[in-house]
Amino acid sequence: MEAYTGFAEVYDTFMDNTPYEDWADFLESVIKKYGISVPVPKTEEEAGEIAEDSAKALETEKNLVLDLGCGTGTLTELMADKGYDMIGVDNSGEMLSIAMQKAEKSGNQILYLCQDMRELDLYSTVGCIYSVCDSLNYLLEDEDMEETFRQVHNYLYPGGIFIFDFNTLYKYRDVIGDTTIAENREDCSFIWENYFYEEEHVNEYDVTIFVKEEEGSDTFRRFEETHYQRGYTKKEMEAFVKKAGMKLLLTLDADTKKAPTAKSERIYMVAGACK
């Protein structure tokens, strides 16, 4: 997986139209609907036991949420503002540096960890793990996805949920494959060249970035990054969920919030950990 390096400093600039608030509201609604719930007691004795166990679980596990592939922490901050105890994991130290600056400014107590999602290492289980903005598409091999899903299941509290999205094979092959995207801002600009490889179902994108040295200057720094993402099908993702021992709870087209179709470009899935 290629970590964001030079692109990190302009990432938020070019992602300023991303609907982070909508994503946060969606995640909150899914957590409330499918997340850890308090069991209904059958007897007074059981009620006491459940109350004690549930209070502990709710305090330490249900409210603990992991943002897997958190990037610069914009969504992590929004979830913290909603009252969740947040952990952010990303493989890019440059992205996490920006995320920690945001936390320092906001005062949110967010734990950020620089880790590869395939080698997740947490100090406890959590009530929810989510991974959005196509972070999982950086996993190019079945073995990488399988190991990541195993790690996710391992660190989910029983009854916890995994919410994730992914760009589909259709999107890479038929929508953005072999295209060039360019955007120009006052202080920075980029050229984004896509190349789709049919046999591997992999999309290569070469990004050339120009960033103004300082305010008022006419001098720009130029740097390049190459990233690779693999397109997955709904069927493939369902198989990864099942192989990891989780149960698929919900599948939605990310744009319509309805059942996915053959032309869905991004799909949401919610998987539950075994109780």
Protein backbone atom coordinates (compact mmCIF):
# COMPACT_ATOMS: atom_id res chain seq x y z
CA MET A 1 0.00 0.00 0.00
CA GLU A 2 1.27 3.45 -0.90
CA ALA A 3 1.04 5.94 1.96
CA TYR A 4 0.19 9.57 1.31
CA THR A 5 3.35 11.63 1.56
CA GLY A 6 3.64 14.99 -0.24
CA PHE A 7 -0.06 14.92 -1.11
CA ALA A 8 -0.91 15.02 2.59
CA GLU A 9 -0.32 18.76 2.91
CA VAL A 10 -2.84 19.60 0.17
CA TYR A 11 -5.24 16.70 0.79
CA ASP A 12 -7.76 18.78 2.74
CA THR A 13 -7.67 21.53 0.14
CA PHE A 14 -8.73 19.21 -2.66
CA MET A 15 -11.21 17.32 -0.46
CA ASP A 16 -13.09 20.43 0.65
CA ASN A 17 -16.25 19.35 -1.17
CA THR A 18 -16.31 15.93 0.50
CA PRO A 19 -19.58 15.45 2.46
CA TYR A 20 -17.91 14.56 5.75
CA GLU A 21 -20.88 15.79 7.80
CA ASP A 22 -23.24 13.52 5.85
CA TRP A 23 -20.86 10.60 6.36
CA ALA A 24 -20.74 11.27 10.12
CA ASP A 25 -24.54 11.39 10.32
CA PHE A 26 -24.78 8.14 8.35
CA LEU A 27 -22.24 6.40 10.57
CA GLU A 28 -24.04 7.57 13.69
CA SER A 29 -27.37 6.29 12.40
CA VAL A 30 -25.89 2.87 11.57
CA ILE A 31 -24.17 2.59 14.95
CA LYS A 32 -27.43 3.40 16.73
CA LYS A 33 -29.37 0.85 14.67
CA TYR A 34 -26.94 -2.06 14.42
CA GLY A 35 -24.39 -1.47 17.17
CA ILE A 36 -24.07 -3.04 20.60
CA SER A 37 -27.38 -3.03 22.46
CA VAL A 38 -28.32 -3.65 26.07
CA PRO A 39 -29.96 -7.09 26.48
CA VAL A 40 -33.42 -7.29 28.04
CA PRO A 41 -33.32 -9.10 31.44
CA LYS A 42 -35.68 -11.99 32.17
CA THR A 43 -35.37 -11.96 35.99
CA GLU A 44 -34.42 -9.43 38.70
CA GLU A 45 -31.20 -11.34 39.37
CA GLU A 46 -30.34 -11.34 35.70
CA ALA A 47 -31.21 -7.66 35.54
CA GLY A 48 -28.54 -6.89 38.13
CA GLU A 49 -25.93 -8.91 36.29
CA ILE A 50 -26.86 -7.40 32.94
CA ALA A 51 -26.92 -3.89 34.33
CA GLU A 52 -23.39 -4.25 35.68
CA ASP A 53 -22.00 -5.96 32.59
CA SER A 54 -23.83 -3.67 30.18
CA ALA A 55 -22.77 -0.50 31.95
CA LYS A 56 -19.16 -1.61 31.72
CA ALA A 57 -19.52 -2.61 28.07
CA LEU A 58 -21.27 0.60 27.15
CA GLU A 59 -18.68 2.69 28.92
CA THR A 60 -15.55 1.02 27.61
CA GLU A 61 -16.50 -0.74 24.41
CA LYS A 62 -19.67 0.47 22.72
CA ASN A 63 -18.60 4.09 22.76
CA LEU A 64 -15.10 3.31 21.50
CA VAL A 65 -14.93 3.73 17.72
CA LEU A 66 -12.01 3.14 15.38
CA ASP A 67 -11.56 5.14 12.18
CA LEU A 68 -9.52 2.77 10.00
CA GLY A 69 -7.68 4.76 7.35
CA CYS A 70 -8.46 8.04 9.09
CA GLY A 71 -6.26 10.25 6.91
CA THR A 72 -6.08 13.83 8.18
CA GLY A 73 -8.77 13.16 10.78
CA THR A 74 -11.61 15.33 9.49
CA LEU A 75 -14.23 12.60 9.92
CA THR A 76 -12.59 11.39 13.14
CA GLU A 77 -13.07 14.87 14.60
CA LEU A 78 -16.74 14.95 13.60
CA MET A 79 -17.36 11.58 15.25
CA ALA A 80 -15.57 12.78 18.39
CA ASP A 81 -17.84 15.83 18.39
CA LYS A 82 -20.80 13.42 18.43
CA GLY A 83 -19.52 11.98 21.70
CA TYR A 84 -17.66 8.86 20.60
CA ASP A 85 -14.28 7.95 22.06
CA MET A 86 -12.19 7.88 18.91
CA ILE A 87 -9.11 6.03 17.74
CA GLY A 88 -7.65 6.87 14.34
CA VAL A 89 -5.37 4.49 12.44
CA ASP A 90 -3.51 5.35 9.25
CA ASN A 91 -0.38 4.18 7.47
CA SER A 92 0.78 7.69 6.60
CA GLY A 93 2.71 9.59 9.23
CA GLU A 94 2.28 12.78 7.22
CA MET A 95 -1.53 12.47 7.25
CA LEU A 96 -1.56 11.65 10.97
CA SER A 97 0.60 14.69 11.73
CA ILE A 98 -2.13 16.90 10.28
CA ALA A 99 -4.81 14.92 12.15
CA MET A 100 -3.00 15.46 15.47
CA GLN A 101 -2.76 19.19 14.79
CA LYS A 102 -6.55 19.26 14.37
CA ALA A 103 -7.04 17.38 17.64
CA GLU A 104 -4.75 19.78 19.46
CA LYS A 105 -6.77 22.70 18.12
CA SER A 106 -10.20 21.17 18.85
CA GLY A 107 -9.30 19.71 22.23
CA ASN A 108 -10.75 16.31 21.29
CA GLN A 109 -8.95 13.44 23.02
CA ILE A 110 -8.28 11.22 20.00
CA LEU A 111 -5.69 8.45 20.00
CA TYR A 112 -3.88 8.30 16.66
CA LEU A 113 -1.83 5.25 15.70
CA CYS A 114 0.45 4.86 12.69
CA GLN A 115 -0.28 1.27 11.63
CA ASP A 116 -0.86 -0.84 8.56
CA MET A 117 -4.48 -2.02 8.68
CA ARG A 118 -3.29 -5.55 7.92
CA GLU A 119 -1.30 -5.47 11.17
CA LEU A 120 -3.82 -3.78 13.43
CA ASP A 121 -2.72 -3.74 17.08
CA LEU A 122 -5.11 -2.20 19.63
CA TYR A 123 -5.08 -2.18 23.41
CA SER A 124 -8.70 -3.41 23.66
CA THR A 125 -11.72 -4.33 21.63
CA VAL A 126 -13.95 -1.56 20.28
CA GLY A 127 -17.67 -1.21 19.67
CA CYS A 128 -17.38 -0.10 16.06
CA ILE A 129 -14.77 0.04 13.32
CA TYR A 130 -15.42 2.01 10.18
CA SER A 131 -13.37 2.50 7.03
CA VAL A 132 -14.66 4.92 4.42
CA CYS A 133 -13.44 7.01 1.49
CA ASP A 134 -12.23 3.86 -0.33
CA SER A 135 -9.37 3.13 2.08
CA LEU A 136 -9.90 -0.61 1.61
CA ASN A 137 -9.34 -0.29 -2.14
CA TYR A 138 -5.64 0.16 -1.38
CA LEU A 139 -5.56 -3.54 -0.50
CA LEU A 140 -4.59 -5.14 -3.81
CA GLU A 141 -4.54 -8.86 -2.97
CA ASP A 142 -7.21 -11.16 -1.58
CA GLU A 143 -4.83 -12.14 1.21
CA ASP A 144 -4.48 -8.51 2.26
CA MET A 145 -8.24 -8.02 2.49
CA GLU A 146 -8.73 -11.32 4.31
CA GLU A 147 -6.09 -10.47 6.91
CA THR A 148 -7.53 -6.99 7.44
CA PHE A 149 -11.03 -8.37 7.95
CA ARG A 150 -9.66 -10.96 10.39
CA GLN A 151 -7.97 -8.20 12.37
CA VAL A 152 -11.16 -6.16 12.36
CA HIS A 153 -13.20 -9.07 13.68
CA ASN A 154 -10.56 -9.80 16.30
CA TYR A 155 -10.79 -6.28 17.75
CA LEU A 156 -14.57 -5.90 17.62
CA TYR A 157 -16.44 -6.32 20.88
CA PRO A 158 -19.03 -9.13 20.58
CA GLY A 159 -22.02 -7.60 18.82
CA GLY A 160 -19.91 -4.74 17.50
CA ILE A 161 -20.06 -3.65 13.86
CA PHE A 162 -17.75 -2.98 10.95
CA ILE A 163 -18.94 -0.25 8.56
CA PHE A 164 -17.00 0.14 5.33
CA ASP A 165 -17.25 1.35 1.78
CA PHE A 166 -15.41 0.44 -1.39
CA ASN A 167 -15.15 1.65 -4.96
CA THR A 168 -16.47 -0.98 -7.32
CA LEU A 169 -14.83 -2.65 -10.27
CA TYR A 170 -17.45 -0.93 -12.44
CA LYS A 171 -16.27 2.51 -11.29
CA TYR A 172 -12.62 1.92 -12.04
CA ARG A 173 -13.16 0.07 -15.31
CA ASP A 174 -16.08 1.97 -16.85
CA VAL A 175 -16.19 5.40 -15.20
CA ILE A 176 -12.73 6.71 -14.31
CA GLY A 177 -10.39 4.24 -15.99
CA ASP A 178 -7.81 5.77 -18.36
CA THR A 179 -8.92 9.35 -17.75
CA THR A 180 -7.11 12.50 -16.67
CA ILE A 181 -8.44 14.89 -14.03
CA ALA A 182 -6.95 18.30 -13.33
CA GLU A 183 -7.81 20.96 -10.80
CA ASN A 184 -6.29 24.39 -10.29
CA ARG A 185 -6.47 26.43 -7.09
CA GLU A 186 -4.84 29.72 -6.18
CA ASP A 187 -2.10 28.17 -4.07
CA CYS A 188 -1.96 24.64 -5.44
CA SER A 189 -3.04 22.45 -8.34
CA PHE A 190 -2.86 18.84 -9.42
CA ILE A 191 -2.97 16.59 -12.47
CA TRP A 192 -4.46 13.16 -11.81
CA GLU A 193 -3.87 10.51 -14.49
CA ASN A 194 -5.72 7.18 -14.23
CA TYR A 195 -4.68 3.90 -15.85
CA PHE A 196 -6.82 0.80 -15.43
CA TYR A 197 -5.35 -2.70 -15.69
CA GLU A 198 -8.10 -5.13 -16.61
CA GLU A 199 -6.37 -8.37 -15.71
CA GLU A 200 -5.52 -7.29 -12.14
CA HIS A 201 -8.62 -5.04 -11.72
CA VAL A 202 -6.16 -2.41 -10.49
CA ASN A 203 -6.33 1.33 -11.06
CA GLU A 204 -3.06 3.25 -11.09
CA TYR A 205 -3.22 6.96 -10.59
CA ASP A 206 -0.25 9.21 -11.02
CA VAL A 207 -0.65 12.53 -9.22
CA THR A 208 1.46 15.57 -10.01
CA ILE A 209 1.05 18.35 -7.46
CA PHE A 210 2.14 21.97 -7.54
CA VAL A 211 2.18 23.90 -4.25
CA LYS A 212 3.04 27.58 -3.84
CA GLU A 213 6.17 28.02 -1.73
CA GLU A 214 4.69 30.83 0.37
CA GLU A 215 1.94 33.42 0.25
CA GLY A 216 2.64 36.08 -2.36
CA SER A 217 5.29 33.99 -4.06
CA ASP A 218 5.22 33.02 -7.73
CA THR A 219 7.34 29.94 -7.05
CA PHE A 220 5.72 26.51 -6.85
CA ARG A 221 7.10 23.21 -5.61
CA ARG A 222 6.36 20.20 -7.80
CA PHE A 223 6.12 16.64 -6.52
CA GLU A 224 4.64 13.37 -7.72
CA GLU A 225 2.99 10.33 -6.18
CA THR A 226 1.77 7.06 -7.63
CA HIS A 227 -1.09 5.18 -5.98
CA TYR A 228 -2.74 1.86 -6.75
CA GLN A 229 -6.28 0.80 -5.90
CA ARG A 230 -8.13 -2.37 -6.75
CA GLY A 231 -11.77 -2.49 -7.79
CA TYR A 232 -13.92 -5.06 -5.99
CA THR A 233 -17.32 -6.53 -6.67
CA LYS A 234 -20.14 -6.86 -4.16
CA LYS A 235 -19.80 -10.65 -4.34
CA GLU A 236 -16.09 -10.51 -3.52
CA MET A 237 -16.67 -8.31 -0.49
CA GLU A 238 -19.46 -10.54 0.77
CA ALA A 239 -17.04 -13.47 0.62
CA PHE A 240 -14.40 -11.57 2.64
CA VAL A 241 -16.97 -10.78 5.33
CA LYS A 242 -18.07 -14.40 5.55
CA LYS A 243 -14.51 -15.79 5.60
CA ALA A 244 -13.64 -13.47 8.49
CA GLY A 245 -16.50 -14.95 10.51
CA MET A 246 -18.68 -11.86 10.46
CA LYS A 247 -22.32 -11.57 9.46
CA LEU A 248 -23.42 -9.19 6.72
CA LEU A 249 -26.12 -6.87 8.09
CA LEU A 250 -26.59 -4.20 5.43
CA THR A 251 -25.56 -3.39 1.86
CA LEU A 252 -26.31 -0.04 0.23
CA ASP A 253 -25.41 1.98 -2.83
CA ALA A 254 -23.46 4.87 -1.28
CA ASP A 255 -25.11 7.47 -3.50
CA THR A 256 -28.75 6.36 -3.50
CA LYS A 257 -28.81 4.57 -0.10
CA LYS A 258 -30.79 1.85 -1.88
CA ALA A 259 -29.91 -1.68 -2.96
CA PRO A 260 -26.73 -1.74 -5.08
CA THR A 261 -26.99 -2.25 -8.82
CA ALA A 262 -24.55 -3.33 -11.51
CA LYS A 263 -23.72 0.36 -11.98
CA SER A 264 -23.11 1.24 -8.35
CA GLU A 265 -19.80 3.09 -8.09
CA ARG A 266 -19.38 2.96 -4.32
CA ILE A 267 -21.03 0.50 -1.93
CA TYR A 268 -21.54 0.59 1.82
CA MET A 269 -21.52 -2.62 3.84
CA VAL A 270 -22.18 -3.23 7.52
CA ALA A 271 -20.92 -6.46 9.09
CA GLY A 272 -21.52 -7.68 12.61
CA ALA A 273 -19.12 -9.46 14.95
CA CYS A 274 -20.27 -12.72 16.51
CA LYS A 275 -21.75 -12.37 20.00
